[in-house]
Amino acid sequence: QVQLVESGGGKVQPGGSLRLSCAASRSLFSINVMGWYRQAAGKERELVATVTSGGTNYADSVKGRFTISRDNARATVYLEMNSLKPEDTAVYYCNAVDSSNPPPMSYWGKGILVTVSS
């Protein structure tokens, strides 16, 4: 089991920046994939970015603006969001996938709201 707690959300003006953090309740060393997803009002949850030992992956809509990183020592994953747009407004969820023992287990945080508005 791993609990995930997001922080750093809030309201920001278009063009602004925010950094989201996701703190895990235990070490990330057995966690293969860490990611951020988001769900806007009336829409389905979508992938924003993932990070593994092999690298990072981003949705086309955030490439060049968002950066995901993980700090295994601090058991924390970050999402640096720059040049924010109103369409980035959503609840952002942290996700962890532990494949150390089959079957893979997926864990979710409760989500945090990001509002981009003037």
PDB file of N, CA and C in Angstrom:
ATOM      1  N   GLN A   1       0.836  -1.197   0.000  1.00  0.00           N
ATOM      2  CA  GLN A   1       0.000   0.000   0.000  1.00  0.00           C
ATOM      3  C   GLN A   1       0.870   1.246   0.000  1.00  0.00           C
ATOM      4  N   VAL A   2       0.370   2.258  -0.655  1.00  0.00           N
ATOM      5  CA  VAL A   2       1.038   3.554  -0.612  1.00  0.00           C
ATOM      6  C   VAL A   2      -0.019   4.628  -0.681  1.00  0.00           C
ATOM      7  N   GLN A   3       0.080   5.598   0.194  1.00  0.00           N
ATOM      8  CA  GLN A   3      -0.818   6.742   0.158  1.00  0.00           C
ATOM      9  C   GLN A   3      -0.108   7.903  -0.534  1.00  0.00           C
ATOM     10  N   LEU A   4      -0.867   8.626  -1.336  1.00  0.00           N
ATOM     11  CA  LEU A   4      -0.324   9.741  -2.100  1.00  0.00           C
ATOM     12  C   LEU A   4      -1.079  11.016  -1.724  1.00  0.00           C
ATOM     13  N   VAL A   5      -0.354  12.073  -1.442  1.00  0.00           N
ATOM     14  CA  VAL A   5      -0.979  13.337  -1.058  1.00  0.00           C
ATOM     15  C   VAL A   5      -0.433  14.456  -1.942  1.00  0.00           C
ATOM     16  N   GLU A   6      -1.345  15.070  -2.690  1.00  0.00           N
ATOM     17  CA  GLU A   6      -0.962  16.172  -3.573  1.00  0.00           C
ATOM     18  C   GLU A   6      -1.010  17.509  -2.836  1.00  0.00           C
ATOM     19  N   SER A   7      -0.181  18.428  -3.272  1.00  0.00           N
ATOM     20  CA  SER A   7      -0.188  19.786  -2.732  1.00  0.00           C
ATOM     21  C   SER A   7       0.322  20.748  -3.797  1.00  0.00           C
ATOM     22  N   GLY A   8       0.098  22.039  -3.572  1.00  0.00           N
ATOM     23  CA  GLY A   8       0.627  23.058  -4.469  1.00  0.00           C
ATOM     24  C   GLY A   8      -0.361  23.621  -5.466  1.00  0.00           C
ATOM     25  N   GLY A   9      -1.589  23.141  -5.427  1.00  0.00           N
ATOM     26  CA  GLY A   9      -2.580  23.660  -6.363  1.00  0.00           C
ATOM     27  C   GLY A   9      -3.068  25.046  -5.961  1.00  0.00           C
ATOM     28  N   GLY A  10      -3.990  25.560  -6.749  1.00  0.00           N
ATOM     29  CA  GLY A  10      -4.551  26.868  -6.451  1.00  0.00           C
ATOM     30  C   GLY A  10      -4.964  27.587  -7.712  1.00  0.00           C
ATOM     31  N   LYS A  11      -5.147  28.888  -7.578  1.00  0.00           N
ATOM     32  CA  LYS A  11      -5.560  29.709  -8.709  1.00  0.00           C
ATOM     33  C   LYS A  11      -4.393  30.541  -9.207  1.00  0.00           C
ATOM     34  N   VAL A  12      -4.240  30.582 -10.509  1.00  0.00           N
ATOM     35  CA  VAL A  12      -3.150  31.342 -11.114  1.00  0.00           C
ATOM     36  C   VAL A  12      -3.656  31.996 -12.386  1.00  0.00           C
ATOM     37  N   GLN A  13      -3.067  33.101 -12.758  1.00  0.00           N
ATOM     38  CA  GLN A  13      -3.467  33.786 -13.984  1.00  0.00           C
ATOM     39  C   GLN A  13      -2.863  33.095 -15.198  1.00  0.00           C
ATOM     40  N   PRO A  14      -3.505  33.245 -16.345  1.00  0.00           N
ATOM     41  CA  PRO A  14      -2.917  32.693 -17.577  1.00  0.00           C
ATOM     42  C   PRO A  14      -1.485  33.186 -17.774  1.00  0.00           C
ATOM     43  N   GLY A  15      -0.629  32.259 -18.180  1.00  0.00           N
ATOM     44  CA  GLY A  15       0.780  32.581 -18.335  1.00  0.00           C
ATOM     45  C   GLY A  15       1.593  32.356 -17.088  1.00  0.00           C
ATOM     46  N   GLY A  16       0.937  32.095 -15.982  1.00  0.00           N
ATOM     47  CA  GLY A  16       1.621  31.887 -14.724  1.00  0.00           C
ATOM     48  C   GLY A  16       2.150  30.477 -14.552  1.00  0.00           C
ATOM     49  N   SER A  17       2.702  30.226 -13.359  1.00  0.00           N
ATOM     50  CA  SER A  17       3.314  28.942 -13.059  1.00  0.00           C
ATOM     51  C   SER A  17       2.850  28.407 -11.712  1.00  0.00           C
ATOM     52  N   LEU A  18       2.862  27.095 -11.601  1.00  0.00           N
ATOM     53  CA  LEU A  18       2.597  26.407 -10.343  1.00  0.00           C
ATOM     54  C   LEU A  18       3.462  25.158 -10.299  1.00  0.00           C
ATOM     55  N   ARG A  19       3.784  24.727  -9.089  1.00  0.00           N
ATOM     56  CA  ARG A  19       4.455  23.449  -8.933  1.00  0.00           C
ATOM     57  C   ARG A  19       3.632  22.566  -8.013  1.00  0.00           C
ATOM     58  N   LEU A  20       3.230  21.435  -8.548  1.00  0.00           N
ATOM     59  CA  LEU A  20       2.513  20.441  -7.758  1.00  0.00           C
ATOM     60  C   LEU A  20       3.499  19.444  -7.171  1.00  0.00           C
ATOM     61  N   SER A  21       3.187  19.006  -5.968  1.00  0.00           N
ATOM     62  CA  SER A  21       3.989  17.973  -5.310  1.00  0.00           C
ATOM     63  C   SER A  21       3.088  16.805  -4.940  1.00  0.00           C
ATOM     64  N   CYS A  22       3.651  15.625  -4.973  1.00  0.00           N
ATOM     65  CA  CYS A  22       2.932  14.417  -4.574  1.00  0.00           C
ATOM     66  C   CYS A  22       3.844  13.653  -3.621  1.00  0.00           C
ATOM     67  N   ALA A  23       3.458  13.637  -2.364  1.00  0.00           N
ATOM     68  CA  ALA A  23       4.259  12.952  -1.350  1.00  0.00           C
ATOM     69  C   ALA A  23       3.706  11.559  -1.116  1.00  0.00           C
ATOM     70  N   ALA A  24       4.576  10.568  -1.207  1.00  0.00           N
ATOM     71  CA  ALA A  24       4.182   9.185  -0.987  1.00  0.00           C
ATOM     72  C   ALA A  24       4.473   8.780   0.452  1.00  0.00           C
ATOM     73  N   SER A  25       3.699   7.815   0.933  1.00  0.00           N
ATOM     74  CA  SER A  25       3.828   7.394   2.331  1.00  0.00           C
ATOM     75  C   SER A  25       4.994   6.449   2.560  1.00  0.00           C
ATOM     76  N   ARG A  26       5.600   5.973   1.473  1.00  0.00           N
ATOM     77  CA  ARG A  26       6.770   5.096   1.613  1.00  0.00           C
ATOM     78  C   ARG A  26       7.709   5.312   0.436  1.00  0.00           C
ATOM     79  N   SER A  27       8.808   4.602   0.457  1.00  0.00           N
ATOM     80  CA  SER A  27       9.818   4.735  -0.572  1.00  0.00           C
ATOM     81  C   SER A  27       9.252   4.486  -1.959  1.00  0.00           C
ATOM     82  N   LEU A  28       9.810   5.206  -2.922  1.00  0.00           N
ATOM     83  CA  LEU A  28       9.395   5.045  -4.320  1.00  0.00           C
ATOM     84  C   LEU A  28      10.226   4.014  -5.070  1.00  0.00           C
ATOM     85  N   PHE A  29      11.165   3.374  -4.385  1.00  0.00           N
ATOM     86  CA  PHE A  29      12.082   2.510  -5.115  1.00  0.00           C
ATOM     87  C   PHE A  29      11.396   1.326  -5.787  1.00  0.00           C
ATOM     88  N   SER A  30      10.289   0.874  -5.253  1.00  0.00           N
ATOM     89  CA  SER A  30       9.571  -0.237  -5.893  1.00  0.00           C
ATOM     90  C   SER A  30       8.480   0.250  -6.836  1.00  0.00           C
ATOM     91  N   ILE A  31       8.333   1.565  -6.933  1.00  0.00           N
ATOM     92  CA  ILE A  31       7.301   2.138  -7.788  1.00  0.00           C
ATOM     93  C   ILE A  31       7.881   2.340  -9.181  1.00  0.00           C
ATOM     94  N   ASN A  32       7.345   1.623 -10.155  1.00  0.00           N
ATOM     95  CA  ASN A  32       7.893   1.681 -11.498  1.00  0.00           C
ATOM     96  C   ASN A  32       7.510   2.963 -12.228  1.00  0.00           C
ATOM     97  N   VAL A  33       6.250   3.343 -12.082  1.00  0.00           N
ATOM     98  CA  VAL A  33       5.740   4.490 -12.813  1.00  0.00           C
ATOM     99  C   VAL A  33       5.068   5.465 -11.852  1.00  0.00           C
ATOM    100  N   MET A  34       5.457   6.705 -11.946  1.00  0.00           N
ATOM    101  CA  MET A  34       4.759   7.770 -11.238  1.00  0.00           C
ATOM    102  C   MET A  34       4.193   8.706 -12.291  1.00  0.00           C
ATOM    103  N   GLY A  35       3.009   9.203 -12.039  1.00  0.00           N
ATOM    104  CA  GLY A  35       2.420  10.073 -13.047  1.00  0.00           C
ATOM    105  C   GLY A  35       1.445  11.075 -12.491  1.00  0.00           C
ATOM    106  N   TRP A  36       1.123  12.019 -13.333  1.00  0.00           N
ATOM    107  CA  TRP A  36       0.086  13.001 -13.054  1.00  0.00           C
ATOM    108  C   TRP A  36      -0.992  12.886 -14.120  1.00  0.00           C
ATOM    109  N   TYR A  37      -2.219  12.908 -13.658  1.00  0.00           N
ATOM    110  CA  TYR A  37      -3.385  12.908 -14.529  1.00  0.00           C
ATOM    111  C   TYR A  37      -4.237  14.113 -14.147  1.00  0.00           C
ATOM    112  N   ARG A  38      -5.164  14.458 -15.009  1.00  0.00           N
ATOM    113  CA  ARG A  38      -6.066  15.562 -14.672  1.00  0.00           C
ATOM    114  C   ARG A  38      -7.457  15.287 -15.226  1.00  0.00           C
ATOM    115  N   GLN A  39      -8.422  15.907 -14.570  1.00  0.00           N
ATOM    116  CA  GLN A  39      -9.803  15.763 -15.011  1.00  0.00           C
ATOM    117  C   GLN A  39     -10.477  17.121 -14.929  1.00  0.00           C
ATOM    118  N   ALA A  40     -10.841  17.632 -16.070  1.00  0.00           N
ATOM    119  CA  ALA A  40     -11.574  18.890 -16.130  1.00  0.00           C
ATOM    120  C   ALA A  40     -13.058  18.612 -15.967  1.00  0.00           C
ATOM    121  N   ALA A  41     -13.794  19.625 -15.592  1.00  0.00           N
ATOM    122  CA  ALA A  41     -15.236  19.473 -15.374  1.00  0.00           C
ATOM    123  C   ALA A  41     -15.910  18.963 -16.643  1.00  0.00           C
ATOM    124  N   GLY A  42     -16.675  17.898 -16.502  1.00  0.00           N
ATOM    125  CA  GLY A  42     -17.407  17.351 -17.631  1.00  0.00           C
ATOM    126  C   GLY A  42     -16.592  16.517 -18.598  1.00  0.00           C
ATOM    127  N   LYS A  43     -15.323  16.291 -18.256  1.00  0.00           N
ATOM    128  CA  LYS A  43     -14.454  15.517 -19.143  1.00  0.00           C
ATOM    129  C   LYS A  43     -13.890  14.304 -18.421  1.00  0.00           C
ATOM    130  N   GLU A  44     -13.335  13.380 -19.205  1.00  0.00           N
ATOM    131  CA  GLU A  44     -12.730  12.201 -18.619  1.00  0.00           C
ATOM    132  C   GLU A  44     -11.315  12.527 -18.114  1.00  0.00           C
ATOM    133  N   ARG A  45     -10.854  11.708 -17.200  1.00  0.00           N
ATOM    134  CA  ARG A  45      -9.492  11.869 -16.687  1.00  0.00           C
ATOM    135  C   ARG A  45      -8.502  11.556 -17.812  1.00  0.00           C
ATOM    136  N   GLU A  46      -7.460  12.382 -17.900  1.00  0.00           N
ATOM    137  CA  GLU A  46      -6.476  12.202 -18.962  1.00  0.00           C
ATOM    138  C   GLU A  46      -5.065  12.239 -18.395  1.00  0.00           C
ATOM    139  N   LEU A  47      -4.182  11.572 -19.113  1.00  0.00           N
ATOM    140  CA  LEU A  47      -2.777  11.557 -18.733  1.00  0.00           C
ATOM    141  C   LEU A  47      -2.157  12.920 -18.977  1.00  0.00           C
ATOM    142  N   VAL A  48      -1.366  13.382 -18.014  1.00  0.00           N
ATOM    143  CA  VAL A  48      -0.592  14.610 -18.189  1.00  0.00           C
ATOM    144  C   VAL A  48       0.873  14.266 -18.432  1.00  0.00           C
ATOM    145  N   ALA A  49       1.438  13.477 -17.524  1.00  0.00           N
ATOM    146  CA  ALA A  49       2.855  13.131 -17.632  1.00  0.00           C
ATOM    147  C   ALA A  49       3.171  11.932 -16.760  1.00  0.00           C
ATOM    148  N   THR A  50       4.158  11.156 -17.173  1.00  0.00           N
ATOM    149  CA  THR A  50       4.642  10.041 -16.370  1.00  0.00           C
ATOM    150  C   THR A  50       6.169  10.075 -16.323  1.00  0.00           C
ATOM    151  N   VAL A  51       6.708   9.451 -15.285  1.00  0.00           N
ATOM    152  CA  VAL A  51       8.160   9.334 -15.156  1.00  0.00           C
ATOM    153  C   VAL A  51       8.499   7.930 -14.680  1.00  0.00           C
ATOM    154  N   THR A  52       9.452   7.317 -15.350  1.00  0.00           N
ATOM    155  CA  THR A  52       9.964   6.006 -14.975  1.00  0.00           C
ATOM    156  C   THR A  52      11.490   6.075 -14.957  1.00  0.00           C
ATOM    157  N   SER A  53      12.113   4.945 -14.680  1.00  0.00           N
ATOM    158  CA  SER A  53      13.573   4.915 -14.722  1.00  0.00           C
ATOM    159  C   SER A  53      14.083   5.139 -16.135  1.00  0.00           C
ATOM    160  N   GLY A  54      13.205   4.895 -17.114  1.00  0.00           N
ATOM    161  CA  GLY A  54      13.609   5.049 -18.501  1.00  0.00           C
ATOM    162  C   GLY A  54      13.399   6.425 -19.076  1.00  0.00           C
ATOM    163  N   GLY A  55      12.693   7.263 -18.346  1.00  0.00           N
ATOM    164  CA  GLY A  55      12.481   8.605 -18.851  1.00  0.00           C
ATOM    165  C   GLY A  55      11.102   9.142 -18.543  1.00  0.00           C
ATOM    166  N   THR A  56      10.731  10.165 -19.300  1.00  0.00           N
ATOM    167  CA  THR A  56       9.464  10.851 -19.070  1.00  0.00           C
ATOM    168  C   THR A  56       8.592  10.798 -20.318  1.00  0.00           C
ATOM    169  N   ASN A  57       7.312  10.998 -20.097  1.00  0.00           N
ATOM    170  CA  ASN A  57       6.347  11.013 -21.185  1.00  0.00           C
ATOM    171  C   ASN A  57       5.319  12.100 -20.895  1.00  0.00           C
ATOM    172  N   TYR A  58       4.938  12.847 -21.916  1.00  0.00           N
ATOM    173  CA  TYR A  58       4.006  13.958 -21.731  1.00  0.00           C
ATOM    174  C   TYR A  58       2.877  13.912 -22.746  1.00  0.00           C
ATOM    175  N   ALA A  59       1.731  14.410 -22.321  1.00  0.00           N
ATOM    176  CA  ALA A  59       0.651  14.641 -23.267  1.00  0.00           C
ATOM    177  C   ALA A  59       1.070  15.763 -24.207  1.00  0.00           C
ATOM    178  N   ASP A  60       0.622  15.681 -25.440  1.00  0.00           N
ATOM    179  CA  ASP A  60       0.997  16.699 -26.429  1.00  0.00           C
ATOM    180  C   ASP A  60       0.596  18.097 -25.964  1.00  0.00           C
ATOM    181  N   SER A  61      -0.498  18.187 -25.246  1.00  0.00           N
ATOM    182  CA  SER A  61      -1.020  19.492 -24.838  1.00  0.00           C
ATOM    183  C   SER A  61      -0.146  20.211 -23.814  1.00  0.00           C
ATOM    184  N   VAL A  62       0.752  19.471 -23.162  1.00  0.00           N
ATOM    185  CA  VAL A  62       1.582  20.099 -22.129  1.00  0.00           C
ATOM    186  C   VAL A  62       3.072  20.061 -22.457  1.00  0.00           C
ATOM    187  N   LYS A  63       3.440  19.414 -23.558  1.00  0.00           N
ATOM    188  CA  LYS A  63       4.854  19.330 -23.924  1.00  0.00           C
ATOM    189  C   LYS A  63       5.464  20.716 -24.066  1.00  0.00           C
ATOM    190  N   GLY A  64       6.639  20.871 -23.474  1.00  0.00           N
ATOM    191  CA  GLY A  64       7.329  22.148 -23.532  1.00  0.00           C
ATOM    192  C   GLY A  64       6.903  23.123 -22.456  1.00  0.00           C
ATOM    193  N   ARG A  65       5.823  22.814 -21.744  1.00  0.00           N
ATOM    194  CA  ARG A  65       5.342  23.708 -20.678  1.00  0.00           C
ATOM    195  C   ARG A  65       5.433  23.063 -19.294  1.00  0.00           C
ATOM    196  N   PHE A  66       5.208  21.764 -19.234  1.00  0.00           N
ATOM    197  CA  PHE A  66       5.206  21.047 -17.959  1.00  0.00           C
ATOM    198  C   PHE A  66       6.448  20.156 -17.868  1.00  0.00           C
ATOM    199  N   THR A  67       6.922  19.981 -16.636  1.00  0.00           N
ATOM    200  CA  THR A  67       8.050  19.087 -16.387  1.00  0.00           C
ATOM    201  C   THR A  67       7.752  18.224 -15.179  1.00  0.00           C
ATOM    202  N   ILE A  68       7.854  16.909 -15.356  1.00  0.00           N
ATOM    203  CA  ILE A  68       7.659  15.978 -14.251  1.00  0.00           C
ATOM    204  C   ILE A  68       9.020  15.498 -13.771  1.00  0.00           C
ATOM    205  N   SER A  69       9.134  15.337 -12.457  1.00  0.00           N
ATOM    206  CA  SER A  69      10.373  14.824 -11.887  1.00  0.00           C
ATOM    207  C   SER A  69      10.045  14.056 -10.621  1.00  0.00           C
ATOM    208  N   ARG A  70      10.966  13.179 -10.237  1.00  0.00           N
ATOM    209  CA  ARG A  70      10.756  12.409  -9.016  1.00  0.00           C
ATOM    210  C   ARG A  70      12.008  12.459  -8.163  1.00  0.00           C
ATOM    211  N   ASP A  71      11.811  12.512  -6.876  1.00  0.00           N
ATOM    212  CA  ASP A  71      12.901  12.506  -5.901  1.00  0.00           C
ATOM    213  C   ASP A  71      12.688  11.283  -5.032  1.00  0.00           C
ATOM    214  N   ASN A  72      13.404  10.205  -5.349  1.00  0.00           N
ATOM    215  CA  ASN A  72      13.204   8.956  -4.615  1.00  0.00           C
ATOM    216  C   ASN A  72      13.575   9.100  -3.137  1.00  0.00           C
ATOM    217  N   ALA A  73      14.580   9.885  -2.856  1.00  0.00           N
ATOM    218  CA  ALA A  73      15.009  10.046  -1.464  1.00  0.00           C
ATOM    219  C   ALA A  73      13.928  10.715  -0.628  1.00  0.00           C
ATOM    220  N   ARG A  74      13.185  11.615  -1.248  1.00  0.00           N
ATOM    221  CA  ARG A  74      12.107  12.320  -0.542  1.00  0.00           C
ATOM    222  C   ARG A  74      10.745  11.673  -0.783  1.00  0.00           C
ATOM    223  N   ALA A  75      10.729  10.606  -1.605  1.00  0.00           N
ATOM    224  CA  ALA A  75       9.465   9.920  -1.930  1.00  0.00           C
ATOM    225  C   ALA A  75       8.432  10.917  -2.442  1.00  0.00           C
ATOM    226  N   THR A  76       8.871  11.770  -3.332  1.00  0.00           N
ATOM    227  CA  THR A  76       8.016  12.845  -3.830  1.00  0.00           C
ATOM    228  C   THR A  76       8.159  12.964  -5.346  1.00  0.00           C
ATOM    229  N   VAL A  77       7.049  13.251  -5.981  1.00  0.00           N
ATOM    230  CA  VAL A  77       7.024  13.518  -7.405  1.00  0.00           C
ATOM    231  C   VAL A  77       6.501  14.936  -7.608  1.00  0.00           C
ATOM    232  N   TYR A  78       7.083  15.617  -8.569  1.00  0.00           N
ATOM    233  CA  TYR A  78       6.724  17.000  -8.814  1.00  0.00           C
ATOM    234  C   TYR A  78       6.186  17.185 -10.237  1.00  0.00           C
ATOM    235  N   LEU A  79       5.362  18.209 -10.384  1.00  0.00           N
ATOM    236  CA  LEU A  79       4.935  18.625 -11.712  1.00  0.00           C
ATOM    237  C   LEU A  79       5.083  20.138 -11.774  1.00  0.00           C
ATOM    238  N   GLU A  80       6.091  20.571 -12.507  1.00  0.00           N
ATOM    239  CA  GLU A  80       6.315  22.000 -12.709  1.00  0.00           C
ATOM    240  C   GLU A  80       5.505  22.432 -13.914  1.00  0.00           C
ATOM    241  N   MET A  81       4.614  23.386 -13.713  1.00  0.00           N
ATOM    242  CA  MET A  81       3.715  23.818 -14.775  1.00  0.00           C
ATOM    243  C   MET A  81       3.972  25.290 -15.090  1.00  0.00           C
ATOM    244  N   ASN A  82       4.361  25.561 -16.305  1.00  0.00           N
ATOM    245  CA  ASN A  82       4.637  26.919 -16.763  1.00  0.00           C
ATOM    246  C   ASN A  82       3.723  27.292 -17.918  1.00  0.00           C
ATOM    247  N   SER A  83       3.649  28.583 -18.183  1.00  0.00           N
ATOM    248  CA  SER A  83       2.824  29.086 -19.295  1.00  0.00           C
ATOM    249  C   SER A  83       1.418  28.496 -19.238  1.00  0.00           C
ATOM    250  N   LEU A  84       0.838  28.552 -18.067  1.00  0.00           N
ATOM    251  CA  LEU A  84      -0.461  27.921 -17.867  1.00  0.00           C
ATOM    252  C   LEU A  84      -1.542  28.607 -18.682  1.00  0.00           C
ATOM    253  N   LYS A  85      -2.477  27.784 -19.144  1.00  0.00           N
ATOM    254  CA  LYS A  85      -3.594  28.247 -19.965  1.00  0.00           C
ATOM    255  C   LYS A  85      -4.910  27.932 -19.265  1.00  0.00           C
ATOM    256  N   PRO A  86      -5.963  28.645 -19.592  1.00  0.00           N
ATOM    257  CA  PRO A  86      -7.261  28.327 -18.976  1.00  0.00           C
ATOM    258  C   PRO A  86      -7.666  26.873 -19.173  1.00  0.00           C
ATOM    259  N   GLU A  87      -7.287  26.298 -20.293  1.00  0.00           N
ATOM    260  CA  GLU A  87      -7.647  24.898 -20.544  1.00  0.00           C
ATOM    261  C   GLU A  87      -6.864  23.917 -19.680  1.00  0.00           C
ATOM    262  N   ASP A  88      -5.897  24.390 -18.909  1.00  0.00           N
ATOM    263  CA  ASP A  88      -5.205  23.537 -17.951  1.00  0.00           C
ATOM    264  C   ASP A  88      -5.984  23.408 -16.648  1.00  0.00           C
ATOM    265  N   THR A  89      -7.057  24.167 -16.515  1.00  0.00           N
ATOM    266  CA  THR A  89      -7.877  24.092 -15.321  1.00  0.00           C
ATOM    267  C   THR A  89      -8.466  22.701 -15.162  1.00  0.00           C
ATOM    268  N   ALA A  90      -8.228  22.093 -14.001  1.00  0.00           N
ATOM    269  CA  ALA A  90      -8.669  20.722 -13.768  1.00  0.00           C
ATOM    270  C   ALA A  90      -8.288  20.313 -12.345  1.00  0.00           C
ATOM    271  N   VAL A  91      -8.812  19.179 -11.937  1.00  0.00           N
ATOM    272  CA  VAL A  91      -8.315  18.519 -10.736  1.00  0.00           C
ATOM    273  C   VAL A  91      -7.174  17.611 -11.174  1.00  0.00           C
ATOM    274  N   TYR A  92      -6.037  17.770 -10.547  1.00  0.00           N
ATOM    275  CA  TYR A  92      -4.846  17.009 -10.888  1.00  0.00           C
ATOM    276  C   TYR A  92      -4.650  15.886  -9.870  1.00  0.00           C
ATOM    277  N   TYR A  93      -4.411  14.691 -10.389  1.00  0.00           N
ATOM    278  CA  TYR A  93      -4.261  13.505  -9.561  1.00  0.00           C
ATOM    279  C   TYR A  93      -2.868  12.907  -9.731  1.00  0.00           C
ATOM    280  N   CYS A  94      -2.303  12.495  -8.627  1.00  0.00           N
ATOM    281  CA  CYS A  94      -1.040  11.773  -8.631  1.00  0.00           C
ATOM    282  C   CYS A  94      -1.332  10.276  -8.707  1.00  0.00           C
ATOM    283  N   ASN A  95      -0.513   9.563  -9.448  1.00  0.00           N
ATOM    284  CA  ASN A  95      -0.684   8.120  -9.616  1.00  0.00           C
ATOM    285  C   ASN A  95       0.640   7.400  -9.444  1.00  0.00           C
ATOM    286  N   ALA A  96       0.583   6.236  -8.823  1.00  0.00           N
ATOM    287  CA  ALA A  96       1.774   5.395  -8.672  1.00  0.00           C
ATOM    288  C   ALA A  96       1.417   3.970  -9.056  1.00  0.00           C
ATOM    289  N   VAL A  97       2.283   3.342  -9.818  1.00  0.00           N
ATOM    290  CA  VAL A  97       2.083   1.949 -10.218  1.00  0.00           C
ATOM    291  C   VAL A  97       3.243   1.121  -9.682  1.00  0.00           C
ATOM    292  N   ASP A  98       2.906   0.165  -8.853  1.00  0.00           N
ATOM    293  CA  ASP A  98       3.903  -0.713  -8.251  1.00  0.00           C
ATOM    294  C   ASP A  98       3.814  -2.078  -8.927  1.00  0.00           C
ATOM    295  N   SER A  99       4.836  -2.415  -9.705  1.00  0.00           N
ATOM    296  CA  SER A  99       4.860  -3.687 -10.419  1.00  0.00           C
ATOM    297  C   SER A  99       5.844  -4.671  -9.788  1.00  0.00           C
ATOM    298  N   SER A 100       6.265  -4.395  -8.554  1.00  0.00           N
ATOM    299  CA  SER A 100       7.275  -5.251  -7.934  1.00  0.00           C
ATOM    300  C   SER A 100       6.755  -6.662  -7.685  1.00  0.00           C
ATOM    301  N   ASN A 101       5.461  -6.791  -7.440  1.00  0.00           N
ATOM    302  CA  ASN A 101       4.833  -8.102  -7.271  1.00  0.00           C
ATOM    303  C   ASN A 101       3.562  -8.141  -8.096  1.00  0.00           C
ATOM    304  N   PRO A 102       3.365  -9.235  -8.864  1.00  0.00           N
ATOM    305  CA  PRO A 102       2.128  -9.298  -9.657  1.00  0.00           C
ATOM    306  C   PRO A 102       0.913  -9.527  -8.761  1.00  0.00           C
ATOM    307  N   PRO A 103      -0.243  -8.997  -9.151  1.00  0.00           N
ATOM    308  CA  PRO A 103      -0.431  -8.089 -10.291  1.00  0.00           C
ATOM    309  C   PRO A 103      -0.005  -6.665  -9.956  1.00  0.00           C
ATOM    310  N   PRO A 104       0.240  -5.843 -10.951  1.00  0.00           N
ATOM    311  CA  PRO A 104       0.598  -4.444 -10.682  1.00  0.00           C
ATOM    312  C   PRO A 104      -0.511  -3.746  -9.907  1.00  0.00           C
ATOM    313  N   MET A 105      -0.095  -2.903  -8.968  1.00  0.00           N
ATOM    314  CA  MET A 105      -1.055  -2.163  -8.158  1.00  0.00           C
ATOM    315  C   MET A 105      -0.976  -0.691  -8.516  1.00  0.00           C
ATOM    316  N   SER A 106      -2.123  -0.083  -8.712  1.00  0.00           N
ATOM    317  CA  SER A 106      -2.196   1.338  -9.053  1.00  0.00           C
ATOM    318  C   SER A 106      -2.814   2.095  -7.887  1.00  0.00           C
ATOM    319  N   TYR A 107      -2.158   3.171  -7.500  1.00  0.00           N
ATOM    320  CA  TYR A 107      -2.618   3.980  -6.380  1.00  0.00           C
ATOM    321  C   TYR A 107      -2.857   5.412  -6.851  1.00  0.00           C
ATOM    322  N   TRP A 108      -3.865   6.048  -6.230  1.00  0.00           N
ATOM    323  CA  TRP A 108      -4.230   7.410  -6.602  1.00  0.00           C
ATOM    324  C   TRP A 108      -4.286   8.318  -5.382  1.00  0.00           C
ATOM    325  N   GLY A 109      -3.889   9.563  -5.595  1.00  0.00           N
ATOM    326  CA  GLY A 109      -4.146  10.582  -4.600  1.00  0.00           C
ATOM    327  C   GLY A 109      -5.582  11.069  -4.726  1.00  0.00           C
ATOM    328  N   LYS A 110      -5.976  11.940  -3.795  1.00  0.00           N
ATOM    329  CA  LYS A 110      -7.347  12.436  -3.804  1.00  0.00           C
ATOM    330  C   LYS A 110      -7.562  13.563  -4.802  1.00  0.00           C
ATOM    331  N   GLY A 111      -6.474  14.121  -5.294  1.00  0.00           N
ATOM    332  CA  GLY A 111      -6.578  15.176  -6.292  1.00  0.00           C
ATOM    333  C   GLY A 111      -6.469  16.566  -5.695  1.00  0.00           C
ATOM    334  N   ILE A 112      -6.034  17.498  -6.545  1.00  0.00           N
ATOM    335  CA  ILE A 112      -5.920  18.884  -6.108  1.00  0.00           C
ATOM    336  C   ILE A 112      -6.324  19.785  -7.273  1.00  0.00           C
ATOM    337  N   LEU A 113      -7.037  20.849  -6.946  1.00  0.00           N
ATOM    338  CA  LEU A 113      -7.589  21.714  -7.976  1.00  0.00           C
ATOM    339  C   LEU A 113      -6.578  22.760  -8.430  1.00  0.00           C
ATOM    340  N   VAL A 114      -6.472  22.886  -9.748  1.00  0.00           N
ATOM    341  CA  VAL A 114      -5.690  23.957 -10.371  1.00  0.00           C
ATOM    342  C   VAL A 114      -6.652  24.777 -11.228  1.00  0.00           C
ATOM    343  N   THR A 115      -6.717  26.059 -10.962  1.00  0.00           N
ATOM    344  CA  THR A 115      -7.594  26.947 -11.718  1.00  0.00           C
ATOM    345  C   THR A 115      -6.746  28.021 -12.385  1.00  0.00           C
ATOM    346  N   VAL A 116      -6.884  28.118 -13.703  1.00  0.00           N
ATOM    347  CA  VAL A 116      -6.144  29.124 -14.463  1.00  0.00           C
ATOM    348  C   VAL A 116      -7.168  30.120 -15.001  1.00  0.00           C
ATOM    349  N   SER A 117      -7.157  31.290 -14.429  1.00  0.00           N
ATOM    350  CA  SER A 117      -8.176  32.272 -14.775  1.00  0.00           C
ATOM    351  C   SER A 117      -7.697  33.667 -14.406  1.00  0.00           C
ATOM    352  N   SER A 118      -8.144  34.638 -15.197  1.00  0.00           N
ATOM    353  CA  SER A 118      -7.818  36.022 -14.878  1.00  0.00           C
ATOM    354  C   SER A 118      -8.941  36.655 -14.058  1.00  0.00           C
TER     355      SER A 118
END
